[in-house]
Amino acid sequence: MALKIALTDILACPVCKGKLKYDKASAQLICLVDRLAYPIRENIPVLIADEAKLLSADEVEQWRS
């Protein structure tokens, strides 16, 4: 079972409180403002800044386009 899309409408980045984008392929929630990717483990978003992966400029540009 995948993360429900409706859930992504109410989730926010814990750092900037901004909107997150759902990347189903890599099971991550993406914050373009902070350039962070939060993992989703066993269909549970892990919204802990220390657990997030820093995205490269190229990865952020890919999401913006």
PDB file of N, CA and C in Angstrom:
ATOM      1  N   MET A   1       0.841  -1.183   0.000  1.00  0.00           N
ATOM      2  CA  MET A   1       0.000   0.000   0.000  1.00  0.00           C
ATOM      3  C   MET A   1       0.885   1.245   0.000  1.00  0.00           C
ATOM      4  N   ALA A   2       0.629   2.142  -0.902  1.00  0.00           N
ATOM      5  CA  ALA A   2       1.429   3.358  -1.026  1.00  0.00           C
ATOM      6  C   ALA A   2       0.868   4.458  -0.134  1.00  0.00           C
ATOM      7  N   LEU A   3       1.653   5.475   0.039  1.00  0.00           N
ATOM      8  CA  LEU A   3       1.231   6.650   0.813  1.00  0.00           C
ATOM      9  C   LEU A   3       0.047   7.292   0.106  1.00  0.00           C
ATOM     10  N   LYS A   4      -0.968   7.638   0.853  1.00  0.00           N
ATOM     11  CA  LYS A   4      -2.159   8.241   0.249  1.00  0.00           C
ATOM     12  C   LYS A   4      -1.848   9.674  -0.176  1.00  0.00           C
ATOM     13  N   ILE A   5      -2.230   9.995  -1.391  1.00  0.00           N
ATOM     14  CA  ILE A   5      -1.966  11.313  -1.959  1.00  0.00           C
ATOM     15  C   ILE A   5      -2.628  12.411  -1.121  1.00  0.00           C
ATOM     16  N   ALA A   6      -3.804  12.160  -0.577  1.00  0.00           N
ATOM     17  CA  ALA A   6      -4.496  13.169   0.233  1.00  0.00           C
ATOM     18  C   ALA A   6      -3.676  13.543   1.460  1.00  0.00           C
ATOM     19  N   LEU A   7      -2.893  12.609   1.968  1.00  0.00           N
ATOM     20  CA  LEU A   7      -2.056  12.882   3.131  1.00  0.00           C
ATOM     21  C   LEU A   7      -0.994  13.930   2.810  1.00  0.00           C
ATOM     22  N   THR A   8      -0.501  13.932   1.592  1.00  0.00           N
ATOM     23  CA  THR A   8       0.536  14.901   1.220  1.00  0.00           C
ATOM     24  C   THR A   8       0.000  16.331   1.222  1.00  0.00           C
ATOM     25  N   ASP A   9      -1.315  16.496   1.122  1.00  0.00           N
ATOM     26  CA  ASP A   9      -1.905  17.843   1.152  1.00  0.00           C
ATOM     27  C   ASP A   9      -1.831  18.473   2.535  1.00  0.00           C
ATOM     28  N   ILE A  10      -1.750  17.663   3.583  1.00  0.00           N
ATOM     29  CA  ILE A  10      -1.735  18.215   4.937  1.00  0.00           C
ATOM     30  C   ILE A  10      -0.362  18.156   5.600  1.00  0.00           C
ATOM     31  N   LEU A  11       0.577  17.432   4.995  1.00  0.00           N
ATOM     32  CA  LEU A  11       1.914  17.353   5.561  1.00  0.00           C
ATOM     33  C   LEU A  11       2.725  18.589   5.181  1.00  0.00           C
ATOM     34  N   ALA A  12       3.630  18.991   6.076  1.00  0.00           N
ATOM     35  CA  ALA A  12       4.479  20.148   5.819  1.00  0.00           C
ATOM     36  C   ALA A  12       5.907  19.830   6.244  1.00  0.00           C
ATOM     37  N   CYS A  13       6.841  20.526   5.648  1.00  0.00           N
ATOM     38  CA  CYS A  13       8.243  20.386   6.016  1.00  0.00           C
ATOM     39  C   CYS A  13       8.415  20.835   7.470  1.00  0.00           C
ATOM     40  N   PRO A  14       9.062  20.024   8.305  1.00  0.00           N
ATOM     41  CA  PRO A  14       9.240  20.421   9.704  1.00  0.00           C
ATOM     42  C   PRO A  14      10.217  21.583   9.894  1.00  0.00           C
ATOM     43  N   VAL A  15      11.022  21.879   8.882  1.00  0.00           N
ATOM     44  CA  VAL A  15      12.002  22.957   8.983  1.00  0.00           C
ATOM     45  C   VAL A  15      11.384  24.303   8.614  1.00  0.00           C
ATOM     46  N   CYS A  16      10.787  24.376   7.412  1.00  0.00           N
ATOM     47  CA  CYS A  16      10.265  25.661   6.926  1.00  0.00           C
ATOM     48  C   CYS A  16       8.741  25.738   6.928  1.00  0.00           C
ATOM     49  N   LYS A  17       8.083  24.633   7.219  1.00  0.00           N
ATOM     50  CA  LYS A  17       6.610  24.534   7.227  1.00  0.00           C
ATOM     51  C   LYS A  17       6.008  24.672   5.837  1.00  0.00           C
ATOM     52  N   GLY A  18       6.846  24.485   4.816  1.00  0.00           N
ATOM     53  CA  GLY A  18       6.383  24.588   3.436  1.00  0.00           C
ATOM     54  C   GLY A  18       5.785  23.294   2.916  1.00  0.00           C
ATOM     55  N   LYS A  19       5.251  23.366   1.721  1.00  0.00           N
ATOM     56  CA  LYS A  19       4.610  22.233   1.066  1.00  0.00           C
ATOM     57  C   LYS A  19       5.646  21.204   0.633  1.00  0.00           C
ATOM     58  N   LEU A  20       5.259  19.932   0.713  1.00  0.00           N
ATOM     59  CA  LEU A  20       6.123  18.834   0.294  1.00  0.00           C
ATOM     60  C   LEU A  20       5.581  18.207  -0.979  1.00  0.00           C
ATOM     61  N   LYS A  21       6.480  17.743  -1.832  1.00  0.00           N
ATOM     62  CA  LYS A  21       6.095  17.024  -3.047  1.00  0.00           C
ATOM     63  C   LYS A  21       6.376  15.547  -2.825  1.00  0.00           C
ATOM     64  N   TYR A  22       5.480  14.701  -3.294  1.00  0.00           N
ATOM     65  CA  TYR A  22       5.592  13.259  -3.108  1.00  0.00           C
ATOM     66  C   TYR A  22       6.272  12.623  -4.314  1.00  0.00           C
ATOM     67  N   ASP A  23       7.363  11.928  -4.065  1.00  0.00           N
ATOM     68  CA  ASP A  23       8.061  11.175  -5.108  1.00  0.00           C
ATOM     69  C   ASP A  23       7.807   9.696  -4.861  1.00  0.00           C
ATOM     70  N   LYS A  24       6.831   9.156  -5.569  1.00  0.00           N
ATOM     71  CA  LYS A  24       6.428   7.764  -5.382  1.00  0.00           C
ATOM     72  C   LYS A  24       7.546   6.795  -5.750  1.00  0.00           C
ATOM     73  N   ALA A  25       8.290   7.104  -6.792  1.00  0.00           N
ATOM     74  CA  ALA A  25       9.347   6.198  -7.268  1.00  0.00           C
ATOM     75  C   ALA A  25      10.425   5.955  -6.222  1.00  0.00           C
ATOM     76  N   SER A  26      10.823   7.007  -5.500  1.00  0.00           N
ATOM     77  CA  SER A  26      11.885   6.856  -4.504  1.00  0.00           C
ATOM     78  C   SER A  26      11.353   6.836  -3.069  1.00  0.00           C
ATOM     79  N   ALA A  27      10.033   6.892  -2.915  1.00  0.00           N
ATOM     80  CA  ALA A  27       9.387   6.880  -1.597  1.00  0.00           C
ATOM     81  C   ALA A  27       9.966   7.971  -0.696  1.00  0.00           C
ATOM     82  N   GLN A  28       9.842   9.214  -1.180  1.00  0.00           N
ATOM     83  CA  GLN A  28      10.347  10.368  -0.438  1.00  0.00           C
ATOM     84  C   GLN A  28       9.371  11.528  -0.550  1.00  0.00           C
ATOM     85  N   LEU A  29       9.420  12.397   0.434  1.00  0.00           N
ATOM     86  CA  LEU A  29       8.716  13.668   0.387  1.00  0.00           C
ATOM     87  C   LEU A  29       9.775  14.747   0.216  1.00  0.00           C
ATOM     88  N   ILE A  30       9.603  15.600  -0.777  1.00  0.00           N
ATOM     89  CA  ILE A  30      10.616  16.562  -1.175  1.00  0.00           C
ATOM     90  C   ILE A  30      10.218  17.975  -0.760  1.00  0.00           C
ATOM     91  N   CYS A  31      11.157  18.679  -0.113  1.00  0.00           N
ATOM     92  CA  CYS A  31      10.993  20.106   0.187  1.00  0.00           C
ATOM     93  C   CYS A  31      11.973  20.860  -0.709  1.00  0.00           C
ATOM     94  N   LEU A  32      11.433  21.615  -1.666  1.00  0.00           N
ATOM     95  CA  LEU A  32      12.287  22.356  -2.596  1.00  0.00           C
ATOM     96  C   LEU A  32      12.932  23.568  -1.950  1.00  0.00           C
ATOM     97  N   VAL A  33      12.298  24.142  -0.953  1.00  0.00           N
ATOM     98  CA  VAL A  33      12.827  25.336  -0.290  1.00  0.00           C
ATOM     99  C   VAL A  33      14.113  25.000   0.465  1.00  0.00           C
ATOM    100  N   ASP A  34      14.069  23.932   1.258  1.00  0.00           N
ATOM    101  CA  ASP A  34      15.227  23.540   2.068  1.00  0.00           C
ATOM    102  C   ASP A  34      16.139  22.534   1.374  1.00  0.00           C
ATOM    103  N   ARG A  35      15.719  22.073   0.188  1.00  0.00           N
ATOM    104  CA  ARG A  35      16.482  21.065  -0.572  1.00  0.00           C
ATOM    105  C   ARG A  35      16.666  19.782   0.237  1.00  0.00           C
ATOM    106  N   LEU A  36      15.557  19.317   0.846  1.00  0.00           N
ATOM    107  CA  LEU A  36      15.605  18.108   1.660  1.00  0.00           C
ATOM    108  C   LEU A  36      14.628  17.064   1.120  1.00  0.00           C
ATOM    109  N   ALA A  37      15.010  15.800   1.253  1.00  0.00           N
ATOM    110  CA  ALA A  37      14.151  14.676   0.890  1.00  0.00           C
ATOM    111  C   ALA A  37      13.943  13.821   2.133  1.00  0.00           C
ATOM    112  N   TYR A  38      12.695  13.750   2.578  1.00  0.00           N
ATOM    113  CA  TYR A  38      12.353  12.978   3.759  1.00  0.00           C
ATOM    114  C   TYR A  38      11.923  11.574   3.338  1.00  0.00           C
ATOM    115  N   PRO A  39      12.454  10.543   3.982  1.00  0.00           N
ATOM    116  CA  PRO A  39      12.108   9.173   3.586  1.00  0.00           C
ATOM    117  C   PRO A  39      10.704   8.786   4.048  1.00  0.00           C
ATOM    118  N   ILE A  40      10.145   7.800   3.348  1.00  0.00           N
ATOM    119  CA  ILE A  40       8.891   7.174   3.754  1.00  0.00           C
ATOM    120  C   ILE A  40       9.234   5.709   4.009  1.00  0.00           C
ATOM    121  N   ARG A  41       9.067   5.276   5.235  1.00  0.00           N
ATOM    122  CA  ARG A  41       9.396   3.903   5.622  1.00  0.00           C
ATOM    123  C   ARG A  41       8.138   3.181   6.067  1.00  0.00           C
ATOM    124  N   GLU A  42       7.847   2.064   5.426  1.00  0.00           N
ATOM    125  CA  GLU A  42       6.656   1.268   5.737  1.00  0.00           C
ATOM    126  C   GLU A  42       5.399   2.136   5.697  1.00  0.00           C
ATOM    127  N   ASN A  43       5.326   2.988   4.666  1.00  0.00           N
ATOM    128  CA  ASN A  43       4.206   3.894   4.413  1.00  0.00           C
ATOM    129  C   ASN A  43       4.033   4.969   5.484  1.00  0.00           C
ATOM    130  N   ILE A  44       5.074   5.225   6.263  1.00  0.00           N
ATOM    131  CA  ILE A  44       5.030   6.258   7.292  1.00  0.00           C
ATOM    132  C   ILE A  44       6.078   7.322   6.964  1.00  0.00           C
ATOM    133  N   PRO A  45       5.659   8.576   6.744  1.00  0.00           N
ATOM    134  CA  PRO A  45       6.626   9.646   6.478  1.00  0.00           C
ATOM    135  C   PRO A  45       7.490   9.910   7.711  1.00  0.00           C
ATOM    136  N   VAL A  46       8.786   9.957   7.509  1.00  0.00           N
ATOM    137  CA  VAL A  46       9.727  10.246   8.587  1.00  0.00           C
ATOM    138  C   VAL A  46      10.130  11.715   8.446  1.00  0.00           C
ATOM    139  N   LEU A  47       9.390  12.587   9.112  1.00  0.00           N
ATOM    140  CA  LEU A  47       9.602  14.034   8.971  1.00  0.00           C
ATOM    141  C   LEU A  47      10.506  14.545  10.086  1.00  0.00           C
ATOM    142  N   ILE A  48      11.708  14.017  10.101  1.00  0.00           N
ATOM    143  CA  ILE A  48      12.737  14.407  11.053  1.00  0.00           C
ATOM    144  C   ILE A  48      13.898  14.966  10.246  1.00  0.00           C
ATOM    145  N   ALA A  49      14.287  16.199  10.528  1.00  0.00           N
ATOM    146  CA  ALA A  49      15.320  16.868   9.731  1.00  0.00           C
ATOM    147  C   ALA A  49      16.625  16.069   9.692  1.00  0.00           C
ATOM    148  N   ASP A  50      16.986  15.428  10.798  1.00  0.00           N
ATOM    149  CA  ASP A  50      18.230  14.646  10.830  1.00  0.00           C
ATOM    150  C   ASP A  50      18.166  13.402   9.950  1.00  0.00           C
ATOM    151  N   GLU A  51      16.976  12.947   9.623  1.00  0.00           N
ATOM    152  CA  GLU A  51      16.787  11.765   8.775  1.00  0.00           C
ATOM    153  C   GLU A  51      16.726  12.128   7.286  1.00  0.00           C
ATOM    154  N   ALA A  52      16.558  13.411   6.990  1.00  0.00           N
ATOM    155  CA  ALA A  52      16.404  13.852   5.605  1.00  0.00           C
ATOM    156  C   ALA A  52      17.736  13.844   4.863  1.00  0.00           C
ATOM    157  N   LYS A  53      17.621  13.664   3.555  1.00  0.00           N
ATOM    158  CA  LYS A  53      18.789  13.692   2.672  1.00  0.00           C
ATOM    159  C   LYS A  53      18.841  15.060   1.991  1.00  0.00           C
ATOM    160  N   LEU A  54      20.013  15.665   1.968  1.00  0.00           N
ATOM    161  CA  LEU A  54      20.190  16.944   1.285  1.00  0.00           C
ATOM    162  C   LEU A  54      20.225  16.695  -0.220  1.00  0.00           C
ATOM    163  N   LEU A  55      19.417  17.431  -0.951  1.00  0.00           N
ATOM    164  CA  LEU A  55      19.351  17.278  -2.402  1.00  0.00           C
ATOM    165  C   LEU A  55      20.361  18.176  -3.095  1.00  0.00           C
ATOM    166  N   SER A  56      20.877  17.709  -4.205  1.00  0.00           N
ATOM    167  CA  SER A  56      21.793  18.521  -5.002  1.00  0.00           C
ATOM    168  C   SER A  56      20.996  19.556  -5.786  1.00  0.00           C
ATOM    169  N   ALA A  57      21.688  20.538  -6.312  1.00  0.00           N
ATOM    170  CA  ALA A  57      21.037  21.579  -7.118  1.00  0.00           C
ATOM    171  C   ALA A  57      20.373  20.968  -8.348  1.00  0.00           C
ATOM    172  N   ASP A  58      20.997  19.950  -8.936  1.00  0.00           N
ATOM    173  CA  ASP A  58      20.424  19.291 -10.109  1.00  0.00           C
ATOM    174  C   ASP A  58      19.113  18.585  -9.769  1.00  0.00           C
ATOM    175  N   GLU A  59      19.073  17.932  -8.607  1.00  0.00           N
ATOM    176  CA  GLU A  59      17.851  17.241  -8.190  1.00  0.00           C
ATOM    177  C   GLU A  59      16.718  18.234  -7.946  1.00  0.00           C
ATOM    178  N   VAL A  60      17.037  19.378  -7.357  1.00  0.00           N
ATOM    179  CA  VAL A  60      16.023  20.396  -7.103  1.00  0.00           C
ATOM    180  C   VAL A  60      15.495  20.940  -8.422  1.00  0.00           C
ATOM    181  N   GLU A  61      16.364  21.208  -9.371  1.00  0.00           N
ATOM    182  CA  GLU A  61      15.957  21.714 -10.687  1.00  0.00           C
ATOM    183  C   GLU A  61      15.057  20.715 -11.417  1.00  0.00           C
ATOM    184  N   GLN A  62      15.352  19.446 -11.266  1.00  0.00           N
ATOM    185  CA  GLN A  62      14.534  18.392 -11.878  1.00  0.00           C
ATOM    186  C   GLN A  62      13.103  18.476 -11.343  1.00  0.00           C
ATOM    187  N   TRP A  63      12.935  18.734 -10.062  1.00  0.00           N
ATOM    188  CA  TRP A  63      11.614  18.829  -9.458  1.00  0.00           C
ATOM    189  C   TRP A  63      10.907  20.120  -9.817  1.00  0.00           C
ATOM    190  N   ARG A  64      11.644  21.171 -10.036  1.00  0.00           N
ATOM    191  CA  ARG A  64      11.015  22.465 -10.368  1.00  0.00           C
ATOM    192  C   ARG A  64      10.478  22.494 -11.791  1.00  0.00           C
ATOM    193  N   SER A  65      11.056  21.692 -12.652  1.00  0.00           N
ATOM    194  CA  SER A  65      10.610  21.716 -14.066  1.00  0.00           C
ATOM    195  C   SER A  65       9.465  20.787 -14.340  1.00  0.00           C
TER     196      SER A  65
END
